[in-house]
C-alpha atoms as a PDB file:
ATOM      1  CA  MET A   1       0.000   0.000   0.000  1.00  0.00           C
ATOM      2  CA  ASN A   2       1.392   3.421  -0.952  1.00  0.00           C
ATOM      3  CA  THR A   3       2.093   5.854   1.857  1.00  0.00           C
ATOM      4  CA  PRO A   4       0.251   9.174   1.415  1.00  0.00           C
ATOM      5  CA  PRO A   5       2.574  12.138   0.719  1.00  0.00           C
ATOM      6  CA  SER A   6       1.398  13.941   3.866  1.00  0.00           C
ATOM      7  CA  ILE A   7       2.526  11.031   6.057  1.00  0.00           C
ATOM      8  CA  ARG A   8       5.866  10.769   4.230  1.00  0.00           C
ATOM      9  CA  ALA A   9       6.391  14.509   4.761  1.00  0.00           C
ATOM     10  CA  THR A  10       5.558  14.217   8.447  1.00  0.00           C
ATOM     11  CA  ALA A  11       8.000  11.318   8.841  1.00  0.00           C
ATOM     12  CA  ALA A  12      10.727  13.283   7.074  1.00  0.00           C
ATOM     13  CA  LEU A  13      10.121  16.283   9.345  1.00  0.00           C
ATOM     14  CA  ALA A  14      10.255  14.057  12.424  1.00  0.00           C
ATOM     15  CA  ALA A  15      13.564  12.603  11.243  1.00  0.00           C
ATOM     16  CA  TRP A  16      14.992  16.070  10.675  1.00  0.00           C
ATOM     17  CA  LEU A  17      13.852  17.206  14.116  1.00  0.00           C
ATOM     18  CA  THR A  18      15.520  14.185  15.674  1.00  0.00           C
ATOM     19  CA  VAL A  19      18.866  15.151  14.160  1.00  0.00           C
ATOM     20  CA  ALA A  20      18.399  18.808  15.049  1.00  0.00           C
ATOM     21  CA  THR A  21      17.444  18.243  18.676  1.00  0.00           C
ATOM     22  CA  MET A  22      19.173  14.998  19.602  1.00  0.00           C
ATOM     23  CA  GLY A  23      22.449  15.735  17.869  1.00  0.00           C
ATOM     24  CA  PRO A  24      24.925  13.915  15.609  1.00  0.00           C
ATOM     25  CA  ALA A  25      25.019  10.852  17.845  1.00  0.00           C
ATOM     26  CA  VAL A  26      21.659   9.711  16.511  1.00  0.00           C
ATOM     27  CA  ALA A  27      21.944  11.109  12.994  1.00  0.00           C
ATOM     28  CA  GLU A  28      22.528   7.657  11.526  1.00  0.00           C
ATOM     29  CA  ILE A  29      19.247   6.318  12.919  1.00  0.00           C
ATOM     30  CA  ALA A  30      17.199   9.501  12.439  1.00  0.00           C
ATOM     31  CA  PRO A  31      14.914   7.931   9.784  1.00  0.00           C
ATOM     32  CA  GLN A  32      13.766   5.479  12.477  1.00  0.00           C
ATOM     33  CA  THR A  33      12.592   8.230  14.822  1.00  0.00           C
ATOM     34  CA  SER A  34       9.761   6.203  16.345  1.00  0.00           C
ATOM     35  CA  ALA A  35      12.059   3.281  17.097  1.00  0.00           C
ATOM     36  CA  THR A  36      14.631   5.625  18.627  1.00  0.00           C
ATOM     37  CA  VAL A  37      12.185   7.184  21.070  1.00  0.00           C
ATOM     38  CA  GLY A  38      10.657   3.765  21.675  1.00  0.00           C
ATOM     39  CA  ASP A  39      14.054   2.308  22.540  1.00  0.00           C
ATOM     40  CA  LEU A  40      14.720   5.161  24.970  1.00  0.00           C
ATOM     41  CA  ALA A  41      11.328   4.670  26.568  1.00  0.00           C
ATOM     42  CA  ALA A  42      11.825   0.916  26.904  1.00  0.00           C
ATOM     43  CA  ARG A  43      15.240   1.436  28.478  1.00  0.00           C
ATOM     44  CA  THR A  44      14.129   4.070  31.000  1.00  0.00           C
ATOM     45  CA  MET A  45      10.558   3.076  31.849  1.00  0.00           C
ATOM     46  CA  PRO A  46      11.521   0.346  34.376  1.00  0.00           C
ATOM     47  CA  ALA A  47      12.985   3.110  36.599  1.00  0.00           C
ATOM     48  CA  PHE A  48       9.644   4.930  36.773  1.00  0.00           C
ATOM     49  CA  VAL A  49       7.771   4.704  40.086  1.00  0.00           C
ATOM     50  CA  PHE A  50       4.057   5.127  40.758  1.00  0.00           C
ATOM     51  CA  VAL A  51       3.873   7.177  43.993  1.00  0.00           C
ATOM     52  CA  SER A  52       0.428   7.830  45.476  1.00  0.00           C
ATOM     53  CA  GLY A  53      -1.559   9.409  42.632  1.00  0.00           C
ATOM     54  CA  GLY A  54       1.567  10.845  41.043  1.00  0.00           C
ATOM     55  CA  SER A  55       5.013   9.884  39.860  1.00  0.00           C
ATOM     56  CA  GLY A  56       8.582   9.295  40.941  1.00  0.00           C
ATOM     57  CA  VAL A  57      11.843   7.906  39.591  1.00  0.00           C
ATOM     58  CA  LEU A  58      14.558   5.590  40.872  1.00  0.00           C
ATOM     59  CA  ILE A  59      18.013   7.189  41.062  1.00  0.00           C
ATOM     60  CA  SER A  60      19.952   4.312  42.629  1.00  0.00           C
ATOM     61  CA  ALA A  61      20.019   0.529  42.502  1.00  0.00           C
ATOM     62  CA  ASP A  62      19.368   0.360  46.254  1.00  0.00           C
ATOM     63  CA  GLY A  63      15.998   2.080  45.936  1.00  0.00           C
ATOM     64  CA  LEU A  64      16.304   5.859  46.293  1.00  0.00           C
ATOM     65  CA  VAL A  65      13.269   7.508  44.673  1.00  0.00           C
ATOM     66  CA  LEU A  66      12.891  11.202  43.811  1.00  0.00           C
ATOM     67  CA  SER A  67       9.461  12.806  43.689  1.00  0.00           C
ATOM     68  CA  ASN A  68       7.715  16.076  44.589  1.00  0.00           C
ATOM     69  CA  ALA A  69       6.885  17.136  48.128  1.00  0.00           C
ATOM     70  CA  HIS A  70       3.346  17.964  47.020  1.00  0.00           C
ATOM     71  CA  VAL A  71       2.957  14.384  45.698  1.00  0.00           C
ATOM     72  CA  VAL A  72       3.894  12.669  48.958  1.00  0.00           C
ATOM     73  CA  GLY A  73       1.975  15.166  51.106  1.00  0.00           C
ATOM     74  CA  LYS A  74       1.743  14.062  54.741  1.00  0.00           C
ATOM     75  CA  GLN A  75       2.396  10.384  54.010  1.00  0.00           C
ATOM     76  CA  ARG A  76       5.420   8.703  55.536  1.00  0.00           C
ATOM     77  CA  SER A  77       4.991   5.153  54.202  1.00  0.00           C
ATOM     78  CA  PHE A  78       4.000   4.075  50.716  1.00  0.00           C
ATOM     79  CA  ASN A  79       3.163   1.137  48.521  1.00  0.00           C
ATOM     80  CA  VAL A  80       4.903   1.950  45.252  1.00  0.00           C
ATOM     81  CA  ARG A  81       5.013   0.190  41.905  1.00  0.00           C
ATOM     82  CA  LEU A  82       7.776   0.313  39.320  1.00  0.00           C
ATOM     83  CA  GLY A  83       7.359   0.799  35.605  1.00  0.00           C
ATOM     84  CA  ASP A  84       8.071  -2.907  35.135  1.00  0.00           C
ATOM     85  CA  GLY A  85       5.096  -3.825  37.346  1.00  0.00           C
ATOM     86  CA  ARG A  86       6.847  -4.862  40.568  1.00  0.00           C
ATOM     87  CA  ALA A  87       5.435  -3.543  43.859  1.00  0.00           C
ATOM     88  CA  PHE A  88       7.385  -2.541  46.990  1.00  0.00           C
ATOM     89  CA  ASN A  89       6.989  -0.804  50.310  1.00  0.00           C
ATOM     90  CA  ALA A  90       8.780   2.517  50.682  1.00  0.00           C
ATOM     91  CA  LYS A  91       9.323   5.144  53.359  1.00  0.00           C
ATOM     92  CA  LEU A  92       9.939   8.879  53.241  1.00  0.00           C
ATOM     93  CA  LEU A  93      13.547   9.867  53.943  1.00  0.00           C
ATOM     94  CA  GLY A  94      13.157  13.641  53.713  1.00  0.00           C
ATOM     95  CA  TYR A  95      11.470  16.524  51.955  1.00  0.00           C
ATOM     96  CA  HIS A  96      11.899  20.212  51.187  1.00  0.00           C
ATOM     97  CA  ALA A  97       8.446  21.759  51.011  1.00  0.00           C
ATOM     98  CA  PHE A  98       9.453  25.081  49.459  1.00  0.00           C
ATOM     99  CA  GLY A  99      11.637  23.407  46.841  1.00  0.00           C
ATOM    100  CA  ASP A 100       8.938  20.767  46.190  1.00  0.00           C
ATOM    101  CA  LEU A 101      11.368  17.868  46.577  1.00  0.00           C
ATOM    102  CA  ALA A 102      10.948  14.521  48.328  1.00  0.00           C
ATOM    103  CA  LEU A 103      13.208  11.487  48.630  1.00  0.00           C
ATOM    104  CA  LEU A 104      11.866   7.993  49.358  1.00  0.00           C
ATOM    105  CA  GLN A 105      13.625   4.726  50.125  1.00  0.00           C
ATOM    106  CA  ILE A 106      12.292   1.425  48.818  1.00  0.00           C
ATOM    107  CA  GLU A 107      12.679  -1.104  51.604  1.00  0.00           C
ATOM    108  CA  GLY A 108      14.887  -4.144  51.054  1.00  0.00           C
ATOM    109  CA  ALA A 109      15.818  -2.992  47.564  1.00  0.00           C
ATOM    110  CA  LYS A 110      18.803  -4.140  45.581  1.00  0.00           C
ATOM    111  CA  ASP A 111      19.750  -4.240  41.905  1.00  0.00           C
ATOM    112  CA  LEU A 112      16.788  -2.085  40.877  1.00  0.00           C
ATOM    113  CA  PRO A 113      16.746  -0.207  37.554  1.00  0.00           C
ATOM    114  CA  PHE A 114      17.548   3.487  37.904  1.00  0.00           C
ATOM    115  CA  LEU A 115      18.337   6.580  35.866  1.00  0.00           C
ATOM    116  CA  PRO A 116      21.775   8.191  36.095  1.00  0.00           C
ATOM    117  CA  LEU A 117      21.808  11.856  37.085  1.00  0.00           C
ATOM    118  CA  GLY A 118      22.643  13.982  34.053  1.00  0.00           C
ATOM    119  CA  ASP A 119      23.848  17.569  33.718  1.00  0.00           C
ATOM    120  CA  SER A 120      20.898  19.920  33.359  1.00  0.00           C
ATOM    121  CA  ASP A 121      23.198  22.899  32.765  1.00  0.00           C
ATOM    122  CA  LEU A 122      24.141  21.393  29.385  1.00  0.00           C
ATOM    123  CA  MET A 123      20.555  21.406  28.140  1.00  0.00           C
ATOM    124  CA  LYS A 124      19.772  24.155  25.643  1.00  0.00           C
ATOM    125  CA  PRO A 125      16.460  25.489  24.342  1.00  0.00           C
ATOM    126  CA  GLY A 126      15.379  23.231  21.491  1.00  0.00           C
ATOM    127  CA  ALA A 127      17.034  20.107  22.915  1.00  0.00           C
ATOM    128  CA  PHE A 128      15.005  16.893  22.797  1.00  0.00           C
ATOM    129  CA  CYS A 129      13.498  15.660  26.040  1.00  0.00           C
ATOM    130  CA  PHE A 130      10.782  13.288  27.159  1.00  0.00           C
ATOM    131  CA  THR A 131       8.820  12.566  30.295  1.00  0.00           C
ATOM    132  CA  ILE A 132       7.442   9.460  31.952  1.00  0.00           C
ATOM    133  CA  GLY A 133       4.419   9.903  34.169  1.00  0.00           C
ATOM    134  CA  ASN A 134       1.036   8.941  35.473  1.00  0.00           C
ATOM    135  CA  PRO A 135      -1.162  11.698  33.985  1.00  0.00           C
ATOM    136  CA  LEU A 136      -4.673  11.836  35.413  1.00  0.00           C
ATOM    137  CA  ALA A 137      -3.847   8.551  37.213  1.00  0.00           C
ATOM    138  CA  LEU A 138      -4.309   6.609  33.968  1.00  0.00           C
ATOM    139  CA  GLY A 139      -1.648   4.168  35.125  1.00  0.00           C
ATOM    140  CA  LEU A 140      -4.062   2.863  37.731  1.00  0.00           C
ATOM    141  CA  ILE A 141      -6.192   1.539  34.893  1.00  0.00           C
ATOM    142  CA  ASP A 142      -3.704  -0.233  32.637  1.00  0.00           C
ATOM    143  CA  GLN A 143      -0.722  -0.475  35.034  1.00  0.00           C
ATOM    144  CA  GLN A 144       1.500   1.372  32.538  1.00  0.00           C
ATOM    145  CA  PRO A 145       3.136   4.819  32.757  1.00  0.00           C
ATOM    146  CA  THR A 146       2.764   7.302  29.903  1.00  0.00           C
ATOM    147  CA  ILE A 147       5.462   8.772  27.642  1.00  0.00           C
ATOM    148  CA  SER A 148       5.408  12.376  26.374  1.00  0.00           C
ATOM    149  CA  THR A 149       8.026  13.884  24.077  1.00  0.00           C
ATOM    150  CA  GLY A 150       9.030  17.474  23.439  1.00  0.00           C
ATOM    151  CA  VAL A 151      11.859  19.966  23.700  1.00  0.00           C
ATOM    152  CA  ILE A 152      13.384  22.256  26.275  1.00  0.00           C
ATOM    153  CA  SER A 153      11.509  25.513  25.668  1.00  0.00           C
ATOM    154  CA  ALA A 154      13.495  27.711  28.073  1.00  0.00           C
ATOM    155  CA  LYS A 155      15.874  27.607  31.031  1.00  0.00           C
ATOM    156  CA  ASN A 156      16.302  29.484  34.291  1.00  0.00           C
ATOM    157  CA  ARG A 157      12.651  30.496  34.482  1.00  0.00           C
ATOM    158  CA  LEU A 158      10.847  31.699  37.589  1.00  0.00           C
ATOM    159  CA  SER A 159       7.302  30.531  38.370  1.00  0.00           C
ATOM    160  CA  ASP A 160       6.162  30.916  41.975  1.00  0.00           C
ATOM    161  CA  ASN A 161       8.473  28.716  44.078  1.00  0.00           C
ATOM    162  CA  TYR A 162       9.949  27.090  40.969  1.00  0.00           C
ATOM    163  CA  VAL A 163      13.208  28.972  40.617  1.00  0.00           C
ATOM    164  CA  ASP A 164      15.703  28.405  37.828  1.00  0.00           C
ATOM    165  CA  ALA A 165      13.250  25.945  36.284  1.00  0.00           C
ATOM    166  CA  LEU A 166      13.439  24.097  32.976  1.00  0.00           C
ATOM    167  CA  VAL A 167      10.423  24.890  30.794  1.00  0.00           C
ATOM    168  CA  ILE A 168       9.233  22.084  28.514  1.00  0.00           C
ATOM    169  CA  ASP A 169       6.549  21.679  25.870  1.00  0.00           C
ATOM    170  CA  ALA A 170       6.217  17.920  26.424  1.00  0.00           C
ATOM    171  CA  PRO A 171       2.607  17.480  27.547  1.00  0.00           C
ATOM    172  CA  ILE A 172       2.197  17.019  31.298  1.00  0.00           C
ATOM    173  CA  ASN A 173      -0.964  16.884  33.382  1.00  0.00           C
ATOM    174  CA  PRO A 174      -1.891  16.281  37.029  1.00  0.00           C
ATOM    175  CA  GLY A 175      -0.263  12.978  37.926  1.00  0.00           C
ATOM    176  CA  ASN A 176       2.956  13.716  36.017  1.00  0.00           C
ATOM    177  CA  SER A 177       4.270  15.542  39.089  1.00  0.00           C
ATOM    178  CA  GLY A 178       7.380  13.910  40.515  1.00  0.00           C
ATOM    179  CA  GLY A 179       8.158  12.040  37.307  1.00  0.00           C
ATOM    180  CA  PRO A 180      11.417  12.156  35.367  1.00  0.00           C
ATOM    181  CA  LEU A 181      12.431  14.558  32.628  1.00  0.00           C
ATOM    182  CA  ILE A 182      14.959  12.670  30.489  1.00  0.00           C
ATOM    183  CA  ASN A 183      17.409  13.668  27.758  1.00  0.00           C
ATOM    184  CA  ALA A 184      18.406  11.859  24.563  1.00  0.00           C
ATOM    185  CA  ALA A 185      21.096   9.899  26.422  1.00  0.00           C
ATOM    186  CA  GLY A 186      18.565   8.464  28.873  1.00  0.00           C
ATOM    187  CA  ASP A 187      19.862  10.573  31.779  1.00  0.00           C
ATOM    188  CA  LEU A 188      17.670  12.266  34.353  1.00  0.00           C
ATOM    189  CA  ILE A 189      17.816  16.043  33.829  1.00  0.00           C
ATOM    190  CA  GLY A 190      14.864  17.151  35.935  1.00  0.00           C
ATOM    191  CA  ILE A 191      11.795  16.328  38.001  1.00  0.00           C
ATOM    192  CA  ASN A 192       8.494  17.470  36.505  1.00  0.00           C
ATOM    193  CA  GLY A 193       6.506  19.409  39.039  1.00  0.00           C
ATOM    194  CA  LYS A 194       4.002  21.903  37.734  1.00  0.00           C
ATOM    195  CA  MET A 195       2.256  23.201  34.654  1.00  0.00           C
ATOM    196  CA  GLN A 196       0.990  26.602  33.686  1.00  0.00           C
ATOM    197  CA  PRO A 197      -2.811  26.561  34.004  1.00  0.00           C
ATOM    198  CA  ARG A 198      -5.032  28.439  31.610  1.00  0.00           C
ATOM    199  CA  MET A 199      -8.291  30.067  32.676  1.00  0.00           C
ATOM    200  CA  GLY A 200      -8.113  28.109  35.903  1.00  0.00           C
ATOM    201  CA  LEU A 201      -8.069  24.717  34.177  1.00  0.00           C
ATOM    202  CA  ARG A 202      -5.575  22.180  35.561  1.00  0.00           C
ATOM    203  CA  SER A 203      -4.721  20.522  32.254  1.00  0.00           C
ATOM    204  CA  ASN A 204      -1.884  20.579  29.760  1.00  0.00           C
ATOM    205  CA  THR A 205      -1.264  23.960  28.154  1.00  0.00           C
ATOM    206  CA  GLY A 206       2.052  23.115  26.506  1.00  0.00           C
ATOM    207  CA  LEU A 207       3.952  24.895  29.265  1.00  0.00           C
ATOM    208  CA  GLY A 208       5.431  22.704  31.991  1.00  0.00           C
ATOM    209  CA  PHE A 209       8.093  23.332  34.629  1.00  0.00           C
ATOM    210  CA  ALA A 210      10.733  20.902  35.889  1.00  0.00           C
ATOM    211  CA  LEU A 211      13.228  21.168  38.742  1.00  0.00           C
ATOM    212  CA  PRO A 212      16.717  20.903  37.166  1.00  0.00           C
ATOM    213  CA  VAL A 213      18.698  17.948  38.423  1.00  0.00           C
ATOM    214  CA  ASN A 214      21.850  19.985  39.068  1.00  0.00           C
ATOM    215  CA  ARG A 215      19.928  21.929  41.719  1.00  0.00           C
ATOM    216  CA  ILE A 216      18.466  18.716  43.136  1.00  0.00           C
ATOM    217  CA  LYS A 217      21.958  17.251  43.608  1.00  0.00           C
ATOM    218  CA  ARG A 218      22.660  19.876  46.290  1.00  0.00           C
ATOM    219  CA  TRP A 219      19.825  18.552  48.424  1.00  0.00           C
ATOM    220  CA  LEU A 220      20.375  14.804  48.194  1.00  0.00           C
ATOM    221  CA  PRO A 221      22.753  14.419  51.184  1.00  0.00           C
ATOM    222  CA  LEU A 222      20.389  16.393  53.430  1.00  0.00           C
ATOM    223  CA  LEU A 223      17.320  14.527  52.211  1.00  0.00           C
ATOM    224  CA  GLN A 224      18.988  11.174  52.860  1.00  0.00           C
ATOM    225  CA  ALA A 225      19.851  12.186  56.419  1.00  0.00           C
ATOM    226  CA  ALA A 226      16.530  13.850  57.318  1.00  0.00           C
ATOM    227  CA  ARG A 227      14.952  10.764  59.003  1.00  0.00           C
ATOM    228  CA  GLY A 228      11.589  11.438  57.396  1.00  0.00           C
ATOM    229  CA  GLY A 229      11.521  15.119  58.282  1.00  0.00           C
ATOM    230  CA  PRO A 230      12.028  18.427  56.488  1.00  0.00           C
ATOM    231  CA  VAL A 231      15.301  19.884  55.258  1.00  0.00           C
ATOM    232  CA  ARG A 232      15.877  23.597  55.422  1.00  0.00           C
ATOM    233  CA  HIS A 233      17.103  26.401  53.242  1.00  0.00           C
ATOM    234  CA  GLY A 234      18.889  29.552  54.369  1.00  0.00           C
ATOM    235  CA  ARG A 235      17.646  32.891  55.651  1.00  0.00           C
ATOM    236  CA  LEU A 236      18.881  36.332  54.568  1.00  0.00           C
ATOM    237  CA  GLU A 237      17.258  39.197  56.458  1.00  0.00           C
ATOM    238  CA  GLY A 238      18.077  42.812  57.198  1.00  0.00           C
ATOM    239  CA  ILE A 239      18.285  44.254  53.668  1.00  0.00           C
ATOM    240  CA  GLU A 240      16.136  47.133  52.435  1.00  0.00           C
ATOM    241  CA  TRP A 241      15.899  48.070  48.773  1.00  0.00           C
ATOM    242  CA  GLN A 242      15.905  51.455  47.088  1.00  0.00           C
ATOM    243  CA  GLU A 243      12.448  50.936  45.623  1.00  0.00           C
ATOM    244  CA  PRO A 244       9.862  48.668  47.291  1.00  0.00           C
ATOM    245  CA  GLY A 245       8.485  47.796  43.863  1.00  0.00           C
ATOM    246  CA  ARG A 246      11.628  45.913  43.034  1.00  0.00           C
ATOM    247  CA  ALA A 247      11.213  43.636  46.015  1.00  0.00           C
ATOM    248  CA  ALA A 248       7.577  43.218  45.006  1.00  0.00           C
ATOM    249  CA  MET A 249       8.676  41.857  41.626  1.00  0.00           C
ATOM    250  CA  VAL A 250       7.152  44.627  39.525  1.00  0.00           C
ATOM    251  CA  ASP A 251      10.321  46.411  38.434  1.00  0.00           C
ATOM    252  CA  TYR A 252      12.628  44.378  36.179  1.00  0.00           C
ATOM    253  CA  VAL A 253      15.758  46.413  36.934  1.00  0.00           C
ATOM    254  CA  ALA A 254      18.779  45.100  38.824  1.00  0.00           C
ATOM    255  CA  PRO A 255      17.944  45.699  42.507  1.00  0.00           C
ATOM    256  CA  VAL A 256      19.983  48.186  44.539  1.00  0.00           C
ATOM    257  CA  ILE A 257      20.400  47.999  48.316  1.00  0.00           C
ATOM    258  CA  ARG A 258      19.275  51.073  50.228  1.00  0.00           C
ATOM    259  CA  SER A 259      20.414  49.958  53.698  1.00  0.00           C
ATOM    260  CA  VAL A 260      21.646  46.952  55.666  1.00  0.00           C
ATOM    261  CA  ALA A 261      20.635  46.567  59.292  1.00  0.00           C
ATOM    262  CA  PRO A 262      23.567  46.336  61.737  1.00  0.00           C
ATOM    263  CA  GLY A 263      24.104  42.830  63.045  1.00  0.00           C
ATOM    264  CA  SER A 264      21.713  41.338  60.506  1.00  0.00           C
ATOM    265  CA  ASP A 265      22.105  38.345  58.228  1.00  0.00           C
ATOM    266  CA  GLY A 266      22.759  40.773  55.391  1.00  0.00           C
ATOM    267  CA  GLU A 267      25.621  42.515  57.195  1.00  0.00           C
ATOM    268  CA  ARG A 268      27.232  39.209  58.197  1.00  0.00           C
ATOM    269  CA  ALA A 269      27.035  38.101  54.552  1.00  0.00           C
ATOM    270  CA  GLY A 270      28.962  41.218  53.478  1.00  0.00           C
ATOM    271  CA  PHE A 271      26.259  43.303  51.785  1.00  0.00           C
ATOM    272  CA  LYS A 272      26.522  47.091  51.896  1.00  0.00           C
ATOM    273  CA  ALA A 273      24.269  50.021  51.091  1.00  0.00           C
ATOM    274  CA  GLY A 274      24.577  50.948  47.430  1.00  0.00           C
ATOM    275  CA  ASP A 275      25.365  47.414  46.236  1.00  0.00           C
ATOM    276  CA  THR A 276      23.691  46.434  42.975  1.00  0.00           C
ATOM    277  CA  ILE A 277      22.856  42.724  42.785  1.00  0.00           C
ATOM    278  CA  VAL A 278      24.292  41.260  39.581  1.00  0.00           C
ATOM    279  CA  ARG A 279      24.137  37.467  39.988  1.00  0.00           C
ATOM    280  CA  CYS A 280      22.999  34.988  42.600  1.00  0.00           C
ATOM    281  CA  GLN A 281      24.083  31.355  42.503  1.00  0.00           C
ATOM    282  CA  GLY A 282      25.439  32.024  39.017  1.00  0.00           C
ATOM    283  CA  GLU A 283      22.149  33.355  37.627  1.00  0.00           C
ATOM    284  CA  PRO A 284      21.464  36.981  36.549  1.00  0.00           C
ATOM    285  CA  VAL A 285      19.200  38.843  38.981  1.00  0.00           C
ATOM    286  CA  ARG A 286      16.595  41.386  37.870  1.00  0.00           C
ATOM    287  CA  MET A 287      14.457  41.489  41.017  1.00  0.00           C
ATOM    288  CA  ALA A 288      15.212  41.378  44.725  1.00  0.00           C
ATOM    289  CA  ALA A 289      12.620  38.643  45.149  1.00  0.00           C
ATOM    290  CA  GLN A 290      14.468  36.554  42.558  1.00  0.00           C
ATOM    291  CA  MET A 291      17.626  36.676  44.678  1.00  0.00           C
ATOM    292  CA  TYR A 292      15.725  35.511  47.760  1.00  0.00           C
ATOM    293  CA  LEU A 293      14.116  32.673  45.826  1.00  0.00           C
ATOM    294  CA  LEU A 294      17.436  31.520  44.393  1.00  0.00           C
ATOM    295  CA  LEU A 295      18.919  31.534  47.893  1.00  0.00           C
ATOM    296  CA  ALA A 296      15.956  29.477  49.085  1.00  0.00           C
ATOM    297  CA  MET A 297      16.994  26.780  46.601  1.00  0.00           C
ATOM    298  CA  ASN A 298      20.301  26.430  48.448  1.00  0.00           C
ATOM    299  CA  PRO A 299      20.649  24.196  51.530  1.00  0.00           C
ATOM    300  CA  HIS A 300      21.618  26.226  54.573  1.00  0.00           C
ATOM    301  CA  THR A 301      24.646  23.970  55.072  1.00  0.00           C
ATOM    302  CA  LEU A 302      26.200  24.976  51.732  1.00  0.00           C
ATOM    303  CA  PRO A 303      27.841  28.331  50.915  1.00  0.00           C
ATOM    304  CA  ALA A 304      25.802  30.710  48.776  1.00  0.00           C
ATOM    305  CA  THR A 305      27.344  33.125  46.278  1.00  0.00           C
ATOM    306  CA  VAL A 306      26.104  36.563  45.255  1.00  0.00           C
ATOM    307  CA  VAL A 307      27.951  38.929  42.905  1.00  0.00           C
ATOM    308  CA  VAL A 308      27.376  42.643  43.536  1.00  0.00           C
ATOM    309  CA  LEU A 309      28.473  45.777  41.705  1.00  0.00           C
ATOM    310  CA  ARG A 310      30.252  47.987  44.232  1.00  0.00           C
ATOM    311  CA  ASP A 311      32.191  51.165  43.435  1.00  0.00           C
ATOM    312  CA  GLY A 312      32.174  50.312  39.753  1.00  0.00           C
ATOM    313  CA  ALA A 313      33.622  46.792  40.150  1.00  0.00           C
ATOM    314  CA  GLU A 314      32.112  43.360  40.714  1.00  0.00           C
ATOM    315  CA  THR A 315      32.601  41.846  44.166  1.00  0.00           C
ATOM    316  CA  THR A 316      31.771  38.233  45.023  1.00  0.00           C
ATOM    317  CA  LEU A 317      30.168  37.519  48.393  1.00  0.00           C
ATOM    318  CA  THR A 318      30.281  33.948  49.680  1.00  0.00           C
ATOM    319  CA  PHE A 319      28.395  33.149  52.865  1.00  0.00           C
ATOM    320  CA  THR A 320      26.348  30.580  54.742  1.00  0.00           C
ATOM    321  CA  MET A 321      22.882  31.278  56.138  1.00  0.00           C
ATOM    322  CA  GLU A 322      20.855  30.442  59.206  1.00  0.00           C
ATOM    323  CA  PRO A 323      18.330  27.652  58.583  1.00  0.00           C
ATOM    324  CA  VAL A 324      14.698  28.489  57.998  1.00  0.00           C
ATOM    325  CA  GLY A 325      11.724  26.631  56.561  1.00  0.00           C
ATOM    326  CA  GLY A 326      10.231  23.248  57.269  1.00  0.00           C
ATOM    327  CA  ASP A 327       6.674  22.077  56.932  1.00  0.00           C
END
């Protein structure tokens, strides 16, 4: 039977997109786009984990599972099921409510399939990605997770408490939360967590947000040691800004410090009146609130870095913060 020209054209476009987004490594098999994505899905799906009504992913052979804090909620013990159908008991190791992260431990686990942690900083807009999830709890019906493909739409985006997020156009819906965002190599590059609603509807709008795995790596030691409780980010108080609107996120101009309270967190960190905030944790800062949110993505046990413009030259401030945050 002859293939209609429209289908041949679509297949050719898909092959071209595979080369463009997945790179030279798959150029030789680009005409078999469906098989390529299918192979990736088959290789990574066993590491998927059904958690409550949402999703999770195995990141170690001994049963460490990443998910979202809003997926696990107040639960401390779970009956989870892997993408290959096996069921296990699991317990909560730790969570960071503000950062929407949770780490579970499958009990008695060994030699389980898992995804290696990739490098989310290497991902560029237009790069191929795909998700595995449990949208609308469909996996409860057929016992199978769902695959969605797309590209990285943007990086370092701010949406509520999602700071420095990866934006994707791969369709996600309620139930995808906590599931893996995966690159063309089969590495974990993020945890899907939220979508942009439209007109109040909680359904796919083509705009999803994922927590980048490089930020998640900072939290893993604390989450593992939390004994089922919360982990905490740092506090930076005592700074006033030249214009309140900048702290209220309505003025997209680099924020300038008006004053620093004596003996405050801000003074101990090295900030001074007149400093202009340039970068925080390596990311450009346009709003005071953005700096605070980026700092909140840093465990209080790790040094934070802020670059300020002072007397016409950039100065790097490196400091630790007092812990704050919990439930």
